[in-house]
N, C-alpha and C. Protein backbone atom coordinates (compact mmCIF):
# COMPACT_ATOMS: atom_id res chain seq x y z
N UNK A 1 8.65 -15.10 -21.52
CA UNK A 1 9.29 -13.98 -21.24
C UNK A 1 10.20 -13.47 -20.09
N UNK A 2 10.32 -14.66 -19.68
CA UNK A 2 11.67 -15.03 -18.79
C UNK A 2 13.17 -14.91 -19.31
N UNK A 3 12.98 -15.31 -20.67
CA UNK A 3 14.34 -16.03 -21.43
C UNK A 3 14.42 -14.51 -22.14
N UNK A 4 13.36 -13.47 -22.58
CA UNK A 4 13.68 -12.50 -22.76
C UNK A 4 14.31 -11.49 -22.24
N UNK A 5 13.71 -11.27 -21.06
CA UNK A 5 14.12 -10.72 -19.69
C UNK A 5 15.53 -10.89 -19.54
N UNK A 6 16.29 -12.19 -19.21
CA UNK A 6 17.40 -12.55 -19.10
C UNK A 6 18.26 -12.41 -20.17
N UNK A 7 17.62 -12.21 -21.43
CA UNK A 7 18.53 -11.50 -22.72
C UNK A 7 18.83 -10.20 -22.80
N UNK A 8 17.52 -9.16 -22.14
CA UNK A 8 17.88 -8.10 -22.19
C UNK A 8 18.65 -7.34 -20.62
N UNK A 9 18.66 -8.41 -19.81
CA UNK A 9 19.53 -8.20 -18.54
C UNK A 9 21.27 -8.65 -19.06
N UNK A 10 21.18 -9.34 -19.86
CA UNK A 10 22.57 -9.72 -20.04
C UNK A 10 23.01 -8.31 -21.11
N UNK A 11 22.04 -8.05 -22.17
CA UNK A 11 22.61 -6.79 -23.00
C UNK A 11 22.81 -5.62 -21.96
N UNK A 12 21.98 -5.38 -21.28
CA UNK A 12 22.20 -4.09 -20.26
C UNK A 12 23.49 -4.32 -19.46
N UNK A 13 23.80 -5.51 -19.25
CA UNK A 13 25.32 -5.42 -18.40
C UNK A 13 26.33 -5.29 -19.13
N UNK A 14 26.16 -5.37 -20.56
CA UNK A 14 27.44 -4.98 -21.13
C UNK A 14 27.58 -5.96 -22.37
N UNK A 15 26.92 -7.16 -22.31
CA UNK A 15 27.18 -8.07 -23.34
C UNK A 15 26.60 -7.69 -24.40
N UNK A 16 26.99 -7.71 -25.50
CA UNK A 16 26.16 -7.26 -26.66
C UNK A 16 25.57 -8.26 -27.46
N UNK A 17 26.09 -9.76 -27.31
CA UNK A 17 25.63 -10.79 -28.05
C UNK A 17 25.68 -12.04 -27.01
N UNK A 18 24.47 -12.05 -26.08
CA UNK A 18 24.63 -12.95 -25.08
C UNK A 18 24.17 -14.29 -25.93
N UNK A 19 24.97 -15.76 -25.55
CA UNK A 19 24.57 -16.91 -25.46
C UNK A 19 23.92 -17.72 -24.87
N UNK A 20 23.41 -18.76 -24.96
CA UNK A 20 22.42 -19.58 -24.09
C UNK A 20 23.05 -19.68 -22.91
N UNK A 21 24.71 -20.13 -23.06
CA UNK A 21 25.12 -20.18 -21.61
C UNK A 21 24.93 -18.69 -20.81
N UNK A 22 24.96 -17.56 -21.43
CA UNK A 22 24.78 -16.58 -20.41
C UNK A 22 23.44 -16.56 -19.94
N UNK A 23 22.84 -17.03 -20.64
CA UNK A 23 21.32 -16.74 -20.27
C UNK A 23 20.90 -17.71 -19.28
N UNK A 24 21.57 -19.00 -19.68
CA UNK A 24 21.39 -19.96 -18.23
C UNK A 24 21.83 -19.75 -17.15
N UNK A 25 23.01 -18.84 -17.30
CA UNK A 25 23.21 -18.46 -16.15
C UNK A 25 22.91 -17.53 -15.32
N UNK A 26 21.90 -16.62 -16.10
CA UNK A 26 21.37 -15.25 -15.20
C UNK A 26 20.08 -16.26 -14.67
N UNK A 27 19.29 -17.13 -15.66
CA UNK A 27 18.14 -17.88 -14.88
C UNK A 27 18.62 -18.68 -13.65
N UNK A 28 19.73 -19.45 -13.99
CA UNK A 28 19.93 -20.14 -12.74
C UNK A 28 20.25 -19.41 -11.58
N UNK A 29 20.55 -18.45 -11.58
CA UNK A 29 21.13 -17.52 -10.56
C UNK A 29 19.73 -17.04 -9.72
N UNK A 30 18.50 -17.46 -10.04
CA UNK A 30 17.50 -16.88 -9.62
C UNK A 30 16.65 -18.16 -9.48
N UNK A 31 16.92 -19.37 -9.90
CA UNK A 31 16.33 -20.75 -9.45
C UNK A 31 15.35 -21.02 -10.63
N UNK A 32 15.46 -20.54 -11.64
CA UNK A 32 14.49 -20.96 -13.01
C UNK A 32 15.04 -21.95 -13.94
N UNK A 33 14.71 -23.14 -13.79
CA UNK A 33 14.93 -23.91 -15.03
C UNK A 33 14.81 -23.57 -16.25
N UNK A 34 15.83 -24.30 -17.31
CA UNK A 34 15.72 -23.39 -18.57
C UNK A 34 15.36 -24.47 -19.42
N UNK A 35 15.07 -23.78 -20.58
CA UNK A 35 14.34 -24.91 -21.80
C UNK A 35 15.23 -24.48 -22.82
N UNK A 36 16.25 -25.52 -23.31
CA UNK A 36 17.03 -24.77 -24.60
C UNK A 36 16.37 -24.41 -25.79
N UNK A 37 15.46 -24.87 -25.77
CA UNK A 37 14.73 -24.45 -27.22
C UNK A 37 14.46 -23.44 -27.25
N UNK A 38 13.60 -22.80 -26.20
CA UNK A 38 13.20 -21.58 -25.88
C UNK A 38 14.29 -20.46 -26.10
N UNK A 39 15.55 -20.99 -25.32
CA UNK A 39 16.88 -20.07 -25.47
C UNK A 39 17.22 -19.48 -26.58
N UNK A 40 17.16 -20.69 -27.44
CA UNK A 40 17.91 -20.55 -28.38
C UNK A 40 17.08 -20.17 -29.51
N UNK A 41 15.41 -19.83 -29.60
CA UNK A 41 14.47 -19.34 -30.13
C UNK A 41 14.83 -17.97 -29.75
N UNK A 42 14.55 -17.12 -28.31
CA UNK A 42 15.05 -15.96 -27.97
C UNK A 42 16.30 -15.36 -28.89
N UNK A 43 17.25 -16.18 -28.55
CA UNK A 43 18.70 -15.56 -28.99
C UNK A 43 18.69 -15.79 -30.51
N UNK A 44 18.44 -16.77 -31.31
CA UNK A 44 17.96 -16.39 -32.87
C UNK A 44 17.08 -15.18 -33.30
N UNK A 45 16.01 -14.89 -32.40
CA UNK A 45 15.42 -13.86 -32.76
C UNK A 45 16.04 -12.48 -32.40
N UNK A 46 16.44 -12.37 -31.31
CA UNK A 46 17.36 -10.98 -30.67
C UNK A 46 19.02 -11.08 -31.38
N UNK A 47 19.35 -11.85 -31.40
CA UNK A 47 20.96 -11.65 -32.09
C UNK A 47 21.23 -11.14 -33.14
N UNK A 48 21.75 -9.94 -33.02
CA UNK A 48 22.31 -8.95 -33.97
C UNK A 48 21.63 -7.91 -34.10
N UNK A 49 20.36 -7.85 -33.42
CA UNK A 49 19.75 -6.91 -33.35
C UNK A 49 19.98 -5.65 -32.20
N UNK A 50 19.64 -4.21 -32.78
CA UNK A 50 19.89 -3.55 -31.74
C UNK A 50 18.68 -3.21 -30.71
N UNK A 51 19.21 -3.81 -29.58
CA UNK A 51 17.60 -3.75 -28.58
C UNK A 51 16.84 -2.36 -28.35
N UNK A 52 17.31 -1.47 -28.43
CA UNK A 52 16.54 -0.37 -28.34
C UNK A 52 15.51 -0.20 -29.48
N UNK A 53 16.01 -0.20 -30.60
CA UNK A 53 15.19 -0.08 -31.83
C UNK A 53 14.15 -1.28 -31.32
N UNK A 54 14.39 -2.52 -31.40
CA UNK A 54 13.41 -3.62 -30.92
C UNK A 54 12.45 -3.19 -30.27
N UNK A 55 12.78 -2.51 -28.96
CA UNK A 55 11.66 -2.17 -27.48
C UNK A 55 10.85 -0.95 -28.62
N UNK A 56 11.67 0.02 -29.30
CA UNK A 56 10.74 1.26 -30.23
C UNK A 56 9.58 0.33 -30.88
N UNK A 57 10.25 -0.60 -31.68
CA UNK A 57 9.18 -0.72 -32.70
C UNK A 57 8.21 -1.64 -32.23
N UNK A 58 8.49 -1.81 -30.89
CA UNK A 58 7.02 -2.97 -29.85
C UNK A 58 6.21 -1.82 -29.14
N UNK A 59 6.91 -0.90 -28.90
CA UNK A 59 6.27 0.29 -28.28
C UNK A 59 5.12 0.72 -29.45
N UNK A 60 5.77 1.06 -30.60
CA UNK A 60 5.03 1.42 -31.40
C UNK A 60 3.88 0.62 -32.00
N UNK A 61 4.18 -0.65 -31.89
CA UNK A 61 2.95 -1.75 -32.19
C UNK A 61 2.00 -1.61 -30.97
N UNK A 62 2.17 -1.58 -29.98
CA UNK A 62 1.37 -1.48 -28.85
C UNK A 62 0.67 0.22 -28.87
N UNK A 63 1.09 1.15 -29.25
CA UNK A 63 0.34 2.23 -29.26
C UNK A 63 -0.74 1.95 -30.39
N UNK A 64 -0.52 1.38 -31.11
CA UNK A 64 -1.50 1.46 -32.23
C UNK A 64 -2.63 0.27 -32.03
N UNK A 65 -2.53 -0.68 -30.93
CA UNK A 65 -3.74 -1.68 -30.47
C UNK A 65 -4.66 -0.70 -29.52
N UNK A 66 -5.95 -1.02 -29.83
CA UNK A 66 -6.97 -0.42 -29.20
C UNK A 66 -6.67 -0.97 -27.73
N UNK A 67 -6.94 0.17 -26.89
CA UNK A 67 -7.03 -0.08 -25.64
C UNK A 67 -8.56 -0.64 -25.17
N UNK A 68 -8.81 -1.95 -24.87
CA UNK A 68 -10.06 -2.39 -24.49
C UNK A 68 -10.19 -2.36 -23.10
N UNK A 69 -9.42 -2.38 -22.57
CA UNK A 69 -9.49 -2.37 -20.95
C UNK A 69 -9.97 -1.13 -20.52
N UNK A 70 -9.46 -0.16 -21.09
CA UNK A 70 -9.92 1.19 -20.57
C UNK A 70 -11.74 1.26 -20.96
N UNK A 71 -12.24 0.77 -22.00
CA UNK A 71 -13.45 0.72 -22.22
C UNK A 71 -14.45 -0.03 -21.17
N UNK A 72 -13.80 -1.21 -21.06
CA UNK A 72 -14.43 -2.15 -19.86
C UNK A 72 -14.88 -1.23 -18.65
N UNK A 73 -13.59 -0.62 -18.27
CA UNK A 73 -13.45 -0.20 -16.84
C UNK A 73 -14.54 0.95 -16.81
N UNK A 74 -14.76 1.80 -18.02
CA UNK A 74 -15.98 3.16 -17.76
C UNK A 74 -16.96 2.46 -17.93
N UNK A 75 -17.36 1.67 -18.75
CA UNK A 75 -18.75 0.50 -18.88
C UNK A 75 -19.07 0.47 -17.17
N UNK A 76 -17.91 -0.79 -16.93
CA UNK A 76 -18.29 -1.13 -15.16
C UNK A 76 -18.23 0.45 -14.46
N UNK A 77 -17.90 1.26 -14.29
CA UNK A 77 -18.08 2.37 -13.62
C UNK A 77 -19.21 2.84 -13.90
N UNK A 78 -19.75 3.10 -14.65
CA UNK A 78 -21.36 3.43 -15.22
C UNK A 78 -22.40 2.58 -14.51
N UNK A 79 -22.31 1.41 -15.15
CA UNK A 79 -23.20 -0.09 -14.56
C UNK A 79 -22.90 0.12 -12.86
N UNK A 80 -22.11 0.47 -12.13
CA UNK A 80 -22.10 0.21 -10.50
C UNK A 80 -22.70 1.28 -10.07
N UNK A 81 -22.86 2.51 -10.62
CA UNK A 81 -23.78 3.72 -9.62
C UNK A 81 -24.99 3.06 -9.51
N UNK A 82 -25.72 2.48 -10.68
CA UNK A 82 -27.57 1.78 -10.66
C UNK A 82 -27.41 0.82 -9.54
N UNK A 83 -26.50 0.05 -9.80
CA UNK A 83 -26.75 -1.29 -8.81
C UNK A 83 -26.27 -0.55 -7.32
N UNK A 84 -25.67 0.00 -6.81
CA UNK A 84 -25.79 0.77 -5.57
C UNK A 84 -26.95 1.32 -5.28
N UNK A 85 -27.41 2.21 -6.07
CA UNK A 85 -29.16 3.18 -5.70
C UNK A 85 -30.09 1.73 -5.61
N UNK A 86 -29.76 0.83 -6.38
CA UNK A 86 -31.00 -0.64 -6.39
C UNK A 86 -30.98 -1.26 -5.19
N UNK A 87 -29.78 -1.31 -4.48
CA UNK A 87 -29.57 -2.11 -3.49
C UNK A 87 -30.19 -1.62 -2.00
N UNK A 88 -30.10 -0.33 -1.98
CA UNK A 88 -30.80 0.03 -0.90
C UNK A 88 -32.37 -0.05 -1.01
N UNK A 89 -32.81 0.21 -2.13
CA UNK A 89 -34.45 -0.19 -2.30
C UNK A 89 -34.52 -1.90 -2.06
N UNK A 90 -34.02 -2.48 -2.28
CA UNK A 90 -34.26 -4.01 -2.06
C UNK A 90 -34.18 -4.42 -0.60
N UNK A 91 -33.19 -3.47 -0.10
CA UNK A 91 -33.04 -3.96 1.48
C UNK A 91 -34.43 -3.53 2.21
N UNK A 92 -34.54 -1.88 2.13
CA UNK A 92 -36.02 -1.43 2.49
C UNK A 92 -36.99 -2.53 2.24
N UNK A 93 -37.28 -3.17 1.09
CA UNK A 93 -38.55 -3.86 0.76
C UNK A 93 -38.57 -4.95 1.89
N UNK A 94 -37.58 -5.64 2.03
CA UNK A 94 -37.40 -6.84 2.74
C UNK A 94 -37.58 -6.41 4.52
N UNK A 95 -37.72 -5.43 4.68
CA UNK A 95 -37.79 -4.91 5.95
C UNK A 95 -39.22 -4.78 6.25
């Protein structure tokens, strides 16, 4: 993720085709060690593509995915209500 973020920062800074040296400079400025293989992979995947289009495609893919986290939250909320009601009863039995 850090390599993608560095690539995006370079593009947002006006560099339409960042290279590995550009990404290393960005990452080194914040103390992050770099891996040439990963940098080259990111550059290979994103170089020559319109970043806005890549982001729009990613948003479309995320929108089509089911939101499993929301189901877990609602299930947790409904199961939490009976648990709070049962706790005082258990405390009263101990008295």
